Amino acid sequence: MSKQKKTTHVVPNKKDGGWDIKQGGGQRSSGNFDRKSDAIDRARDISKNLGSELYIHNKDGKIGSKDSHGNDPHPPKG
C-alpha cells in the first residue's frame, strides 16, 4: 500500500472570483483571497505546517510552479 503525499493547491475560483486554497483530493476551500499573492502566502504557511507539496496554479488552472515543504524527492546538495 503506497502512502499518498499531501498536497496544497492555490487555484483560481471560477465561480466566485479570486483564489482558493485547497488540499489535494478535497473539495472545500481553506480560504478565498482577492489577490493571488495573499493566497500564496497563506498556502505556504499551511503547506509548511502540513509538510506538503505546494502547487500554485495559473488562471487557466494549469500548474505554474511548485514548492516542497515536506519530503522533497530532489533535495538540494550541500
Protein backbone atom coordinates (compact mmCIF):
# COMPACT_ATOMS: atom_id res chain seq x y z
CA MET A 1 0.00 0.00 0.00
CA SER A 2 1.59 3.25 -1.11
CA LYS A 3 1.46 6.35 1.00
CA GLN A 4 -0.10 9.24 -0.89
CA LYS A 5 1.75 12.54 -0.46
CA LYS A 6 -0.07 15.55 0.88
CA THR A 7 -0.58 18.47 -1.47
CA THR A 8 -1.81 22.03 -1.06
CA HIS A 9 -3.05 23.98 -4.10
CA VAL A 10 -3.65 27.65 -4.91
CA VAL A 11 -6.33 27.60 -7.61
CA PRO A 12 -8.50 30.19 -9.36
CA ASN A 13 -12.10 30.31 -8.17
CA LYS A 14 -14.01 30.43 -11.43
CA LYS A 15 -17.41 30.75 -9.74
CA ASP A 16 -16.82 33.50 -7.17
CA GLY A 17 -13.58 35.03 -8.45
CA GLY A 18 -10.32 35.36 -6.61
CA TRP A 19 -8.08 32.49 -5.49
CA ASP A 20 -8.77 29.48 -3.29
CA ILE A 21 -6.53 27.25 -1.21
CA LYS A 22 -7.44 23.57 -1.43
CA GLN A 23 -5.94 20.34 -0.16
CA GLY A 24 -5.27 17.62 -2.71
CA GLY A 25 -8.34 15.42 -3.10
CA GLY A 26 -10.51 17.86 -1.15
CA GLN A 27 -13.48 19.84 -2.37
CA ARG A 28 -13.72 22.54 0.30
CA SER A 29 -11.62 25.67 0.18
CA SER A 30 -9.31 26.54 3.07
CA GLY A 31 -9.74 30.20 2.17
CA ASN A 32 -10.64 32.60 -0.64
CA PHE A 33 -8.48 35.61 -1.44
CA ASP A 34 -8.88 38.51 -3.86
CA ARG A 35 -5.15 38.59 -4.63
CA LYS A 36 -3.13 35.57 -5.74
CA SER A 37 -0.11 36.74 -3.70
CA ASP A 38 -2.20 36.72 -0.49
CA ALA A 39 -3.42 33.19 -1.25
CA ILE A 40 0.15 32.02 -1.90
CA ASP A 41 1.42 33.49 1.39
CA ARG A 42 -1.32 31.73 3.39
CA ALA A 43 -0.98 28.48 1.41
CA ARG A 44 2.78 28.47 2.05
CA ASP A 45 2.14 28.66 5.82
CA ILE A 46 -0.41 25.81 5.60
CA SER A 47 1.93 23.73 3.43
CA LYS A 48 4.83 24.18 5.87
CA ASN A 49 2.64 23.13 8.80
CA LEU A 50 1.41 20.03 6.95
CA GLY A 51 4.77 19.19 5.37
CA SER A 52 3.10 19.10 1.96
CA GLU A 53 3.90 19.99 -1.63
CA LEU A 54 2.57 23.40 -2.66
CA TYR A 55 1.17 23.68 -6.19
CA ILE A 56 0.47 27.18 -7.50
CA HIS A 57 -1.89 27.19 -10.49
CA ASN A 58 -2.26 29.82 -13.21
CA LYS A 59 -5.57 31.46 -14.15
CA ASP A 60 -6.16 28.71 -16.71
CA GLY A 61 -5.91 26.08 -13.94
CA LYS A 62 -2.59 24.60 -15.09
CA ILE A 63 0.22 24.26 -12.55
CA GLY A 64 2.54 27.25 -12.83
CA SER A 65 5.01 26.43 -10.07
CA LYS A 66 5.67 24.07 -7.17
CA ASP A 67 7.28 24.40 -3.77
CA SER A 68 8.15 21.50 -1.48
CA HIS A 69 7.66 21.70 2.28
CA GLY A 70 7.78 18.01 3.06
CA ASN A 71 9.72 15.04 1.83
CA ASP A 72 11.43 16.61 -1.16
CA PRO A 73 12.29 13.88 -3.70
CA HIS A 74 15.16 16.07 -5.00
CA PRO A 75 16.65 17.96 -2.04
CA PRO A 76 19.46 20.44 -2.78
CA LYS A 77 23.01 19.20 -2.26
CA GLY A 78 25.40 20.83 0.15
